[in-house]
C-alpha atoms as a PDB file:
ATOM      1  CA  UNK A   1       0.055  -0.004   0.097  1.00  0.00           C
ATOM      2  CA  UNK A   2       1.076   3.586  -0.663  1.00  0.00           C
ATOM      3  CA  UNK A   3       1.958   5.678   1.731  1.00  0.00           C
ATOM      4  CA  UNK A   4      -0.446   8.786   2.747  1.00  0.00           C
ATOM      5  CA  UNK A   5      -0.030  11.979   0.808  1.00  0.00           C
ATOM      6  CA  UNK A   6      -2.080  13.822   3.587  1.00  0.00           C
ATOM      7  CA  UNK A   7      -0.275  16.511   5.851  1.00  0.00           C
ATOM      8  CA  UNK A   8      -1.975  17.221   9.690  1.00  0.00           C
ATOM      9  CA  UNK A   9      -3.317  20.414   8.341  1.00  0.00           C
ATOM     10  CA  UNK A  10      -5.087  18.452   5.281  1.00  0.00           C
ATOM     11  CA  UNK A  11      -7.099  15.770   8.428  1.00  0.00           C
ATOM     12  CA  UNK A  12      -7.961  18.940  10.373  1.00  0.00           C
ATOM     13  CA  UNK A  13     -12.096  19.054  10.171  1.00  0.00           C
ATOM     14  CA  UNK A  14     -12.762  22.020   7.986  1.00  0.00           C
ATOM     15  CA  UNK A  15     -14.964  23.974  10.741  1.00  0.00           C
ATOM     16  CA  UNK A  16     -11.947  23.421  13.375  1.00  0.00           C
ATOM     17  CA  UNK A  17      -9.492  24.806  10.093  1.00  0.00           C
ATOM     18  CA  UNK A  18     -10.869  27.829  10.414  1.00  0.00           C
ATOM     19  CA  UNK A  19     -10.520  28.278  14.236  1.00  0.00           C
ATOM     20  CA  UNK A  20      -7.068  27.233  14.350  1.00  0.00           C
ATOM     21  CA  UNK A  21      -6.046  29.955  11.639  1.00  0.00           C
ATOM     22  CA  UNK A  22      -5.999  31.838  14.107  1.00  0.00           C
ATOM     23  CA  UNK A  23      -4.632  29.919  17.187  1.00  0.00           C
ATOM     24  CA  UNK A  24      -0.987  31.960  17.958  1.00  0.00           C
ATOM     25  CA  UNK A  25       2.157  29.246  17.932  1.00  0.00           C
ATOM     26  CA  UNK A  26       1.693  27.738  21.131  1.00  0.00           C
ATOM     27  CA  UNK A  27       5.577  26.823  22.200  1.00  0.00           C
ATOM     28  CA  UNK A  28       6.118  26.672  25.554  1.00  0.00           C
ATOM     29  CA  UNK A  29       9.156  26.545  27.540  1.00  0.00           C
ATOM     30  CA  UNK A  30      11.459  28.137  30.458  1.00  0.00           C
ATOM     31  CA  UNK A  31      12.334  31.024  28.878  1.00  0.00           C
ATOM     32  CA  UNK A  32       8.045  31.899  27.759  1.00  0.00           C
ATOM     33  CA  UNK A  33       6.156  30.250  31.085  1.00  0.00           C
ATOM     34  CA  UNK A  34       5.849  33.445  32.595  1.00  0.00           C
ATOM     35  CA  UNK A  35       4.311  35.246  29.636  1.00  0.00           C
ATOM     36  CA  UNK A  36       2.109  32.213  28.988  1.00  0.00           C
ATOM     37  CA  UNK A  37       0.731  32.137  32.423  1.00  0.00           C
ATOM     38  CA  UNK A  38      -1.193  35.457  32.718  1.00  0.00           C
ATOM     39  CA  UNK A  39      -2.577  35.016  29.142  1.00  0.00           C
ATOM     40  CA  UNK A  40      -3.539  31.287  29.938  1.00  0.00           C
ATOM     41  CA  UNK A  41      -5.484  32.776  32.842  1.00  0.00           C
ATOM     42  CA  UNK A  42      -7.164  35.293  31.042  1.00  0.00           C
ATOM     43  CA  UNK A  43      -8.754  32.944  29.217  1.00  0.00           C
ATOM     44  CA  UNK A  44     -12.520  32.001  29.781  1.00  0.00           C
ATOM     45  CA  UNK A  45     -14.742  29.213  28.362  1.00  0.00           C
ATOM     46  CA  UNK A  46     -18.462  30.540  28.144  1.00  0.00           C
ATOM     47  CA  UNK A  47     -20.982  28.484  28.904  1.00  0.00           C
ATOM     48  CA  UNK A  48     -25.184  29.208  29.050  1.00  0.00           C
ATOM     49  CA  UNK A  49     -26.251  30.346  32.170  1.00  0.00           C
ATOM     50  CA  UNK A  50     -26.868  29.022  35.231  1.00  0.00           C
ATOM     51  CA  UNK A  51     -29.901  30.793  37.437  1.00  0.00           C
ATOM     52  CA  UNK A  52     -29.541  29.730  41.428  1.00  0.00           C
ATOM     53  CA  UNK A  53     -26.258  28.560  41.480  1.00  0.00           C
ATOM     54  CA  UNK A  54     -24.237  30.037  43.925  1.00  0.00           C
ATOM     55  CA  UNK A  55     -19.998  29.996  44.403  1.00  0.00           C
ATOM     56  CA  UNK A  56     -18.150  30.557  47.743  1.00  0.00           C
ATOM     57  CA  UNK A  57     -14.286  30.271  47.959  1.00  0.00           C
ATOM     58  CA  UNK A  58     -12.717  28.848  50.582  1.00  0.00           C
ATOM     59  CA  UNK A  59      -9.386  27.621  51.254  1.00  0.00           C
ATOM     60  CA  UNK A  60      -8.709  23.957  52.425  1.00  0.00           C
ATOM     61  CA  UNK A  61      -6.460  22.860  54.530  1.00  0.00           C
ATOM     62  CA  UNK A  62      -3.140  21.074  54.273  1.00  0.00           C
ATOM     63  CA  UNK A  63      -1.479  18.769  57.239  1.00  0.00           C
ATOM     64  CA  UNK A  64       1.870  21.170  57.151  1.00  0.00           C
ATOM     65  CA  UNK A  65      -0.995  24.327  57.369  1.00  0.00           C
ATOM     66  CA  UNK A  66      -1.060  26.083  54.150  1.00  0.00           C
ATOM     67  CA  UNK A  67      -4.259  25.996  52.256  1.00  0.00           C
ATOM     68  CA  UNK A  68      -5.432  24.844  48.814  1.00  0.00           C
ATOM     69  CA  UNK A  69      -7.770  27.751  46.977  1.00  0.00           C
ATOM     70  CA  UNK A  70     -10.209  25.913  45.267  1.00  0.00           C
ATOM     71  CA  UNK A  71     -14.326  27.650  44.173  1.00  0.00           C
ATOM     72  CA  UNK A  72     -17.438  25.508  45.169  1.00  0.00           C
ATOM     73  CA  UNK A  73     -20.132  25.440  43.116  1.00  0.00           C
ATOM     74  CA  UNK A  74     -23.830  24.532  44.858  1.00  0.00           C
ATOM     75  CA  UNK A  75     -26.783  24.423  42.428  1.00  0.00           C
ATOM     76  CA  UNK A  76     -29.766  25.604  43.566  1.00  0.00           C
ATOM     77  CA  UNK A  77     -32.382  23.425  45.890  1.00  0.00           C
ATOM     78  CA  UNK A  78     -31.896  21.489  49.070  1.00  0.00           C
ATOM     79  CA  UNK A  79     -29.672  18.966  48.197  1.00  0.00           C
ATOM     80  CA  UNK A  80     -27.134  18.051  45.585  1.00  0.00           C
ATOM     81  CA  UNK A  81     -27.374  14.725  44.177  1.00  0.00           C
ATOM     82  CA  UNK A  82     -23.330  14.201  44.590  1.00  0.00           C
ATOM     83  CA  UNK A  83     -19.857  16.462  43.672  1.00  0.00           C
ATOM     84  CA  UNK A  84     -17.441  16.932  41.042  1.00  0.00           C
ATOM     85  CA  UNK A  85     -14.032  17.871  41.628  1.00  0.00           C
ATOM     86  CA  UNK A  86     -12.596  19.834  38.514  1.00  0.00           C
ATOM     87  CA  UNK A  87      -9.137  20.275  37.650  1.00  0.00           C
ATOM     88  CA  UNK A  88      -7.901  23.207  34.702  1.00  0.00           C
ATOM     89  CA  UNK A  89      -5.932  22.317  32.330  1.00  0.00           C
ATOM     90  CA  UNK A  90      -2.537  23.860  30.869  1.00  0.00           C
ATOM     91  CA  UNK A  91      -0.025  20.576  31.079  1.00  0.00           C
ATOM     92  CA  UNK A  92       0.280  20.671  35.518  1.00  0.00           C
ATOM     93  CA  UNK A  93       2.461  24.436  34.746  1.00  0.00           C
ATOM     94  CA  UNK A  94      -0.403  27.046  34.529  1.00  0.00           C
ATOM     95  CA  UNK A  95      -3.564  28.171  34.179  1.00  0.00           C
ATOM     96  CA  UNK A  96      -6.278  28.182  36.718  1.00  0.00           C
ATOM     97  CA  UNK A  97      -9.758  27.805  38.407  1.00  0.00           C
ATOM     98  CA  UNK A  98     -11.183  30.984  37.181  1.00  0.00           C
ATOM     99  CA  UNK A  99     -11.179  30.859  33.231  1.00  0.00           C
ATOM    100  CA  UNK A 100     -13.740  27.824  34.016  1.00  0.00           C
ATOM    101  CA  UNK A 101     -15.941  29.752  36.088  1.00  0.00           C
ATOM    102  CA  UNK A 102     -18.504  29.354  33.786  1.00  0.00           C
ATOM    103  CA  UNK A 103     -18.386  26.153  32.969  1.00  0.00           C
ATOM    104  CA  UNK A 104     -17.944  24.657  36.691  1.00  0.00           C
ATOM    105  CA  UNK A 105     -21.602  26.921  36.958  1.00  0.00           C
ATOM    106  CA  UNK A 106     -22.882  25.227  33.881  1.00  0.00           C
ATOM    107  CA  UNK A 107     -21.802  21.961  34.909  1.00  0.00           C
ATOM    108  CA  UNK A 108     -23.419  22.817  38.788  1.00  0.00           C
ATOM    109  CA  UNK A 109     -26.502  23.553  37.316  1.00  0.00           C
ATOM    110  CA  UNK A 110     -27.095  21.012  34.678  1.00  0.00           C
ATOM    111  CA  UNK A 111     -26.304  17.778  36.597  1.00  0.00           C
ATOM    112  CA  UNK A 112     -27.664  19.649  39.687  1.00  0.00           C
ATOM    113  CA  UNK A 113     -24.007  18.333  41.742  1.00  0.00           C
ATOM    114  CA  UNK A 114     -21.966  20.317  43.957  1.00  0.00           C
ATOM    115  CA  UNK A 115     -18.729  21.294  41.695  1.00  0.00           C
ATOM    116  CA  UNK A 116     -15.063  22.271  43.581  1.00  0.00           C
ATOM    117  CA  UNK A 117     -12.958  23.783  41.174  1.00  0.00           C
ATOM    118  CA  UNK A 118      -9.049  23.133  42.562  1.00  0.00           C
ATOM    119  CA  UNK A 119      -6.250  25.442  42.188  1.00  0.00           C
ATOM    120  CA  UNK A 120      -3.548  22.726  42.497  1.00  0.00           C
ATOM    121  CA  UNK A 121      -0.432  23.667  43.288  1.00  0.00           C
ATOM    122  CA  UNK A 122       2.244  23.959  39.650  1.00  0.00           C
ATOM    123  CA  UNK A 123       5.277  22.703  38.291  1.00  0.00           C
ATOM    124  CA  UNK A 124       8.147  23.274  37.964  1.00  0.00           C
ATOM    125  CA  UNK A 125       7.814  25.602  41.433  1.00  0.00           C
ATOM    126  CA  UNK A 126       6.029  22.582  42.764  1.00  0.00           C
ATOM    127  CA  UNK A 127       7.183  18.903  40.944  1.00  0.00           C
ATOM    128  CA  UNK A 128       5.328  15.935  41.469  1.00  0.00           C
ATOM    129  CA  UNK A 129       3.531  14.492  43.612  1.00  0.00           C
ATOM    130  CA  UNK A 130       2.311  18.646  45.014  1.00  0.00           C
ATOM    131  CA  UNK A 131      -0.276  18.845  42.329  1.00  0.00           C
ATOM    132  CA  UNK A 132      -1.646  15.203  42.518  1.00  0.00           C
ATOM    133  CA  UNK A 133      -1.472  15.486  46.447  1.00  0.00           C
ATOM    134  CA  UNK A 134      -3.723  18.744  46.809  1.00  0.00           C
ATOM    135  CA  UNK A 135      -5.954  16.599  44.823  1.00  0.00           C
ATOM    136  CA  UNK A 136      -6.332  14.102  46.929  1.00  0.00           C
ATOM    137  CA  UNK A 137      -6.357  16.032  50.135  1.00  0.00           C
ATOM    138  CA  UNK A 138      -9.390  18.022  48.444  1.00  0.00           C
ATOM    139  CA  UNK A 139     -10.967  14.521  47.355  1.00  0.00           C
ATOM    140  CA  UNK A 140     -10.968  13.485  51.767  1.00  0.00           C
ATOM    141  CA  UNK A 141     -11.934  17.347  52.627  1.00  0.00           C
ATOM    142  CA  UNK A 142     -15.181  16.845  50.113  1.00  0.00           C
ATOM    143  CA  UNK A 143     -15.790  13.498  51.673  1.00  0.00           C
ATOM    144  CA  UNK A 144     -15.891  14.972  55.285  1.00  0.00           C
ATOM    145  CA  UNK A 145     -17.281  18.043  54.025  1.00  0.00           C
ATOM    146  CA  UNK A 146     -20.697  16.129  52.481  1.00  0.00           C
ATOM    147  CA  UNK A 147     -23.577  16.619  55.245  1.00  0.00           C
ATOM    148  CA  UNK A 148     -22.216  20.303  55.069  1.00  0.00           C
ATOM    149  CA  UNK A 149     -22.048  21.138  51.262  1.00  0.00           C
ATOM    150  CA  UNK A 150     -25.816  18.765  50.856  1.00  0.00           C
ATOM    151  CA  UNK A 151     -24.864  15.524  48.842  1.00  0.00           C
ATOM    152  CA  UNK A 152     -23.972  11.952  49.093  1.00  0.00           C
ATOM    153  CA  UNK A 153     -21.083  11.282  50.261  1.00  0.00           C
ATOM    154  CA  UNK A 154     -20.525   8.205  48.493  1.00  0.00           C
ATOM    155  CA  UNK A 155     -21.171  10.105  44.918  1.00  0.00           C
ATOM    156  CA  UNK A 156     -17.954  12.244  44.246  1.00  0.00           C
ATOM    157  CA  UNK A 157     -16.597  12.159  40.905  1.00  0.00           C
ATOM    158  CA  UNK A 158     -13.506  14.039  39.387  1.00  0.00           C
ATOM    159  CA  UNK A 159     -13.213  16.008  35.960  1.00  0.00           C
ATOM    160  CA  UNK A 160      -9.996  17.428  34.280  1.00  0.00           C
ATOM    161  CA  UNK A 161      -8.648  18.804  31.200  1.00  0.00           C
ATOM    162  CA  UNK A 162      -5.668  18.417  29.737  1.00  0.00           C
ATOM    163  CA  UNK A 163      -2.620  18.055  32.573  1.00  0.00           C
ATOM    164  CA  UNK A 164      -6.010  18.161  35.149  1.00  0.00           C
ATOM    165  CA  UNK A 165      -7.612  15.196  33.178  1.00  0.00           C
ATOM    166  CA  UNK A 166      -4.349  13.540  33.598  1.00  0.00           C
ATOM    167  CA  UNK A 167      -4.578  14.978  37.347  1.00  0.00           C
ATOM    168  CA  UNK A 168      -7.920  13.519  37.507  1.00  0.00           C
ATOM    169  CA  UNK A 169      -6.764  10.075  36.436  1.00  0.00           C
ATOM    170  CA  UNK A 170      -3.983   9.815  39.058  1.00  0.00           C
ATOM    171  CA  UNK A 171      -6.577  10.899  41.545  1.00  0.00           C
ATOM    172  CA  UNK A 172      -8.692   7.826  40.399  1.00  0.00           C
ATOM    173  CA  UNK A 173      -5.522   5.616  40.783  1.00  0.00           C
ATOM    174  CA  UNK A 174      -4.632   6.893  44.392  1.00  0.00           C
ATOM    175  CA  UNK A 175      -8.069   6.919  45.582  1.00  0.00           C
ATOM    176  CA  UNK A 176      -8.047   2.935  44.575  1.00  0.00           C
ATOM    177  CA  UNK A 177      -4.889   2.376  46.267  1.00  0.00           C
ATOM    178  CA  UNK A 178      -5.600   4.547  49.616  1.00  0.00           C
ATOM    179  CA  UNK A 179      -8.782   3.236  50.205  1.00  0.00           C
ATOM    180  CA  UNK A 180      -9.755   5.675  52.114  1.00  0.00           C
ATOM    181  CA  UNK A 181     -12.380   7.824  50.065  1.00  0.00           C
ATOM    182  CA  UNK A 182     -13.632   6.375  46.850  1.00  0.00           C
ATOM    183  CA  UNK A 183     -14.516   7.889  43.561  1.00  0.00           C
ATOM    184  CA  UNK A 184     -17.999   6.983  41.638  1.00  0.00           C
ATOM    185  CA  UNK A 185     -16.314   8.379  38.009  1.00  0.00           C
ATOM    186  CA  UNK A 186     -13.657   9.624  36.195  1.00  0.00           C
ATOM    187  CA  UNK A 187     -14.146  12.313  33.039  1.00  0.00           C
ATOM    188  CA  UNK A 188     -11.371  13.459  31.372  1.00  0.00           C
ATOM    189  CA  UNK A 189     -10.876  15.746  27.999  1.00  0.00           C
ATOM    190  CA  UNK A 190      -7.566  14.850  26.289  1.00  0.00           C
ATOM    191  CA  UNK A 191      -5.593  13.885  29.226  1.00  0.00           C
ATOM    192  CA  UNK A 192      -2.539  14.211  29.652  1.00  0.00           C
ATOM    193  CA  UNK A 193      -1.475  10.804  30.621  1.00  0.00           C
ATOM    194  CA  UNK A 194       2.329   9.679  29.882  1.00  0.00           C
ATOM    195  CA  UNK A 195       5.290  11.301  30.453  1.00  0.00           C
ATOM    196  CA  UNK A 196       6.927   9.144  27.531  1.00  0.00           C
ATOM    197  CA  UNK A 197       4.907  11.223  24.111  1.00  0.00           C
ATOM    198  CA  UNK A 198       6.917  13.155  22.151  1.00  0.00           C
ATOM    199  CA  UNK A 199      10.876  11.288  23.246  1.00  0.00           C
ATOM    200  CA  UNK A 200      12.635   8.512  22.189  1.00  0.00           C
ATOM    201  CA  UNK A 201      11.188   6.353  24.746  1.00  0.00           C
ATOM    202  CA  UNK A 202       7.216   6.539  23.566  1.00  0.00           C
ATOM    203  CA  UNK A 203       5.699   3.448  23.228  1.00  0.00           C
ATOM    204  CA  UNK A 204       3.730   3.851  19.851  1.00  0.00           C
ATOM    205  CA  UNK A 205       4.318   7.326  18.130  1.00  0.00           C
ATOM    206  CA  UNK A 206       1.662   8.340  16.060  1.00  0.00           C
ATOM    207  CA  UNK A 207       2.838  10.262  12.581  1.00  0.00           C
ATOM    208  CA  UNK A 208       0.024  13.054  12.441  1.00  0.00           C
ATOM    209  CA  UNK A 209      -0.662  13.573  15.848  1.00  0.00           C
ATOM    210  CA  UNK A 210       0.624  16.706  17.635  1.00  0.00           C
ATOM    211  CA  UNK A 211       1.123  19.051  15.390  1.00  0.00           C
ATOM    212  CA  UNK A 212      -0.635  21.812  16.611  1.00  0.00           C
ATOM    213  CA  UNK A 213      -1.334  23.872  19.886  1.00  0.00           C
ATOM    214  CA  UNK A 214       0.066  21.469  22.652  1.00  0.00           C
ATOM    215  CA  UNK A 215       3.616  20.332  20.172  1.00  0.00           C
ATOM    216  CA  UNK A 216       5.902  17.762  21.312  1.00  0.00           C
ATOM    217  CA  UNK A 217       8.268  19.997  22.624  1.00  0.00           C
ATOM    218  CA  UNK A 218       5.942  21.956  24.921  1.00  0.00           C
ATOM    219  CA  UNK A 219       4.835  18.274  26.746  1.00  0.00           C
ATOM    220  CA  UNK A 220       8.645  17.691  27.028  1.00  0.00           C
ATOM    221  CA  UNK A 221       9.246  20.914  29.179  1.00  0.00           C
ATOM    222  CA  UNK A 222       5.852  20.492  30.635  1.00  0.00           C
ATOM    223  CA  UNK A 223       6.750  16.946  32.168  1.00  0.00           C
ATOM    224  CA  UNK A 224       9.979  17.922  32.536  1.00  0.00           C
ATOM    225  CA  UNK A 225       9.140  20.231  35.244  1.00  0.00           C
ATOM    226  CA  UNK A 226       6.680  17.792  36.863  1.00  0.00           C
ATOM    227  CA  UNK A 227       8.972  15.635  37.019  1.00  0.00           C
ATOM    228  CA  UNK A 228      12.367  16.708  36.730  1.00  0.00           C
ATOM    229  CA  UNK A 229      15.162  13.753  35.869  1.00  0.00           C
ATOM    230  CA  UNK A 230      13.216  10.842  36.626  1.00  0.00           C
ATOM    231  CA  UNK A 231      10.966  12.163  32.947  1.00  0.00           C
ATOM    232  CA  UNK A 232      10.772   9.478  30.512  1.00  0.00           C
ATOM    233  CA  UNK A 233      12.642   7.112  32.785  1.00  0.00           C
ATOM    234  CA  UNK A 234      11.795   3.549  33.640  1.00  0.00           C
ATOM    235  CA  UNK A 235      10.628   4.536  37.229  1.00  0.00           C
ATOM    236  CA  UNK A 236       7.716   7.018  36.653  1.00  0.00           C
ATOM    237  CA  UNK A 237       4.902   6.153  38.774  1.00  0.00           C
ATOM    238  CA  UNK A 238       1.512   5.329  37.441  1.00  0.00           C
ATOM    239  CA  UNK A 239      -0.297   8.183  39.543  1.00  0.00           C
ATOM    240  CA  UNK A 240       2.327  10.439  37.877  1.00  0.00           C
ATOM    241  CA  UNK A 241       1.291   9.112  34.314  1.00  0.00           C
ATOM    242  CA  UNK A 242      -1.130   6.947  34.253  1.00  0.00           C
ATOM    243  CA  UNK A 243      -0.944   4.959  30.557  1.00  0.00           C
ATOM    244  CA  UNK A 244       1.896   4.180  32.403  1.00  0.00           C
ATOM    245  CA  UNK A 245      -0.314   1.868  34.131  1.00  0.00           C
ATOM    246  CA  UNK A 246      -0.217  -1.928  33.594  1.00  0.00           C
ATOM    247  CA  UNK A 247      -3.551  -2.586  35.852  1.00  0.00           C
ATOM    248  CA  UNK A 248      -6.741  -0.575  36.901  1.00  0.00           C
ATOM    249  CA  UNK A 249      -8.746  -2.584  38.310  1.00  0.00           C
ATOM    250  CA  UNK A 250     -10.880  -1.110  40.724  1.00  0.00           C
ATOM    251  CA  UNK A 251     -10.759   2.793  39.585  1.00  0.00           C
ATOM    252  CA  UNK A 252     -13.624   4.902  38.975  1.00  0.00           C
ATOM    253  CA  UNK A 253     -15.676   4.468  35.606  1.00  0.00           C
ATOM    254  CA  UNK A 254     -14.226   6.557  32.895  1.00  0.00           C
ATOM    255  CA  UNK A 255     -15.638   8.601  29.945  1.00  0.00           C
ATOM    256  CA  UNK A 256     -12.800  10.016  27.668  1.00  0.00           C
ATOM    257  CA  UNK A 257     -12.618  12.166  24.866  1.00  0.00           C
ATOM    258  CA  UNK A 258      -9.659  13.288  22.466  1.00  0.00           C
ATOM    259  CA  UNK A 259      -9.092  14.033  19.304  1.00  0.00           C
ATOM    260  CA  UNK A 260      -7.342  11.673  16.570  1.00  0.00           C
ATOM    261  CA  UNK A 261      -4.683  14.609  16.085  1.00  0.00           C
ATOM    262  CA  UNK A 262      -3.967  15.433  19.849  1.00  0.00           C
ATOM    263  CA  UNK A 263      -0.563  15.036  20.928  1.00  0.00           C
ATOM    264  CA  UNK A 264      -2.485  12.895  23.562  1.00  0.00           C
ATOM    265  CA  UNK A 265      -4.301  10.753  21.268  1.00  0.00           C
ATOM    266  CA  UNK A 266      -1.727   7.457  21.745  1.00  0.00           C
ATOM    267  CA  UNK A 267      -1.511   7.620  25.626  1.00  0.00           C
ATOM    268  CA  UNK A 268      -5.259   7.672  25.641  1.00  0.00           C
ATOM    269  CA  UNK A 269      -5.727   4.932  23.783  1.00  0.00           C
ATOM    270  CA  UNK A 270      -3.596   3.128  25.960  1.00  0.00           C
ATOM    271  CA  UNK A 271      -4.991   4.101  28.876  1.00  0.00           C
ATOM    272  CA  UNK A 272      -8.751   3.434  28.190  1.00  0.00           C
ATOM    273  CA  UNK A 273      -7.110   0.088  27.088  1.00  0.00           C
ATOM    274  CA  UNK A 274      -5.962  -0.904  29.810  1.00  0.00           C
ATOM    275  CA  UNK A 275      -8.848   0.209  31.777  1.00  0.00           C
ATOM    276  CA  UNK A 276     -11.196  -1.577  29.541  1.00  0.00           C
ATOM    277  CA  UNK A 277      -8.695  -4.790  29.592  1.00  0.00           C
ATOM    278  CA  UNK A 278      -9.272  -4.637  34.227  1.00  0.00           C
ATOM    279  CA  UNK A 279     -12.601  -4.447  33.636  1.00  0.00           C
ATOM    280  CA  UNK A 280     -13.337  -0.833  34.146  1.00  0.00           C
ATOM    281  CA  UNK A 281     -16.557   0.233  32.401  1.00  0.00           C
ATOM    282  CA  UNK A 282     -15.130   3.132  29.673  1.00  0.00           C
ATOM    283  CA  UNK A 283     -16.630   5.292  27.123  1.00  0.00           C
ATOM    284  CA  UNK A 284     -14.187   6.304  24.898  1.00  0.00           C
ATOM    285  CA  UNK A 285     -14.919   9.206  21.885  1.00  0.00           C
ATOM    286  CA  UNK A 286     -12.060   9.595  19.213  1.00  0.00           C
ATOM    287  CA  UNK A 287     -12.665  12.779  17.286  1.00  0.00           C
ATOM    288  CA  UNK A 288     -11.837  12.525  13.862  1.00  0.00           C
ATOM    289  CA  UNK A 289     -10.640  15.280  12.589  1.00  0.00           C
ATOM    290  CA  UNK A 290     -10.188  17.477  15.944  1.00  0.00           C
ATOM    291  CA  UNK A 291      -6.848  18.341  17.428  1.00  0.00           C
ATOM    292  CA  UNK A 292      -5.788  19.482  21.744  1.00  0.00           C
ATOM    293  CA  UNK A 293      -8.109  21.260  23.614  1.00  0.00           C
ATOM    294  CA  UNK A 294     -10.451  22.094  20.472  1.00  0.00           C
ATOM    295  CA  UNK A 295     -13.570  22.483  22.416  1.00  0.00           C
ATOM    296  CA  UNK A 296     -12.109  25.406  24.148  1.00  0.00           C
ATOM    297  CA  UNK A 297      -9.896  26.944  20.802  1.00  0.00           C
ATOM    298  CA  UNK A 298     -13.459  26.555  18.529  1.00  0.00           C
ATOM    299  CA  UNK A 299     -16.336  26.355  20.466  1.00  0.00           C
ATOM    300  CA  UNK A 300     -18.668  26.808  18.308  1.00  0.00           C
ATOM    301  CA  UNK A 301     -17.785  24.391  15.356  1.00  0.00           C
ATOM    302  CA  UNK A 302     -20.252  21.953  15.456  1.00  0.00           C
ATOM    303  CA  UNK A 303     -18.061  19.018  16.223  1.00  0.00           C
ATOM    304  CA  UNK A 304     -16.782  20.933  19.509  1.00  0.00           C
ATOM    305  CA  UNK A 305     -20.679  20.719  19.814  1.00  0.00           C
ATOM    306  CA  UNK A 306     -21.173  17.640  20.004  1.00  0.00           C
ATOM    307  CA  UNK A 307     -18.307  16.977  21.537  1.00  0.00           C
ATOM    308  CA  UNK A 308     -19.004  19.453  24.766  1.00  0.00           C
ATOM    309  CA  UNK A 309     -22.338  18.244  24.842  1.00  0.00           C
ATOM    310  CA  UNK A 310     -21.463  14.343  25.288  1.00  0.00           C
ATOM    311  CA  UNK A 311     -19.546  15.009  28.155  1.00  0.00           C
ATOM    312  CA  UNK A 312     -21.627  17.007  29.697  1.00  0.00           C
ATOM    313  CA  UNK A 313     -24.460  14.354  29.050  1.00  0.00           C
ATOM    314  CA  UNK A 314     -22.275  11.467  30.765  1.00  0.00           C
ATOM    315  CA  UNK A 315     -22.214  14.157  34.004  1.00  0.00           C
ATOM    316  CA  UNK A 316     -25.496  14.421  33.511  1.00  0.00           C
ATOM    317  CA  UNK A 317     -26.194  10.950  33.424  1.00  0.00           C
ATOM    318  CA  UNK A 318     -23.820  10.032  35.955  1.00  0.00           C
ATOM    319  CA  UNK A 319     -25.172  12.580  38.963  1.00  0.00           C
ATOM    320  CA  UNK A 320     -28.868  12.534  37.815  1.00  0.00           C
ATOM    321  CA  UNK A 321     -29.974   9.258  36.659  1.00  0.00           C
ATOM    322  CA  UNK A 322     -27.281   6.930  38.598  1.00  0.00           C
ATOM    323  CA  UNK A 323     -25.714   5.930  35.882  1.00  0.00           C
ATOM    324  CA  UNK A 324     -22.084   5.042  35.710  1.00  0.00           C
ATOM    325  CA  UNK A 325     -20.254   6.595  32.538  1.00  0.00           C
ATOM    326  CA  UNK A 326     -20.324   3.817  30.081  1.00  0.00           C
ATOM    327  CA  UNK A 327     -23.915   2.631  29.582  1.00  0.00           C
END
């Protein structure tokens, strides 16, 4: 069979290709990180109005006496159906919960759940496991605070985008193994799951993945910031890079969405295969012609609308109908 003559750009879905023309070059490095951070913080996702949702900023205590900032979104009514921990994107080196404010309100209103958006510590100032431990601390605090916040303690799920998706998957593994508080589901948008991607040790590189938005160059810098000298080596734990897991029996059911042209597509497929092979209910949506963060960069594209609607529908089903993500 003759090799394909298509370029990565030829494979981008037409509406997403139009949006791609407006995306500035995105190369994060030690030299550019300080400039990227405020720019990323200023990006705000839009969402429909969420009447009745209240927001409170809280400080969750760590064991050392410091605090984790969180934003708690509570739907109207006396009782919520559960709680959703939301972990923002940004490659674990930038980003905050502020840009996801409208989305968090929309999730709380539509799914009838409390949403807790976490400002976990970022690398390189706070390398692994700082960010993940912040997420776990919020999980245990949320379980203890369930009665005060008005939701059933046994129904806490986690959702995350990009770097936050990797932390969400790591939290699912950590919660299973520490066996203190259970997660009821994990909802992952183009998650960052494997530090080997874009390096010589990547298990199965895909030739058309990763040309747009988040590239191998940015990915290597982010993982080096998170893991230091351990990056892409043999001793990185699956809690840090969940696609390295060889089994996942007993972790929370999963919903995963990723684009065909996303740098993270191979690792998302590996993680999904591990979940499926371990008997974990798993729903995977592979979106043709889509690059990393397409739902954020091209929210009006029909492809993005469908993917966003499916993602929210999975969360709604989980909380309103008591279903696991796979159905």
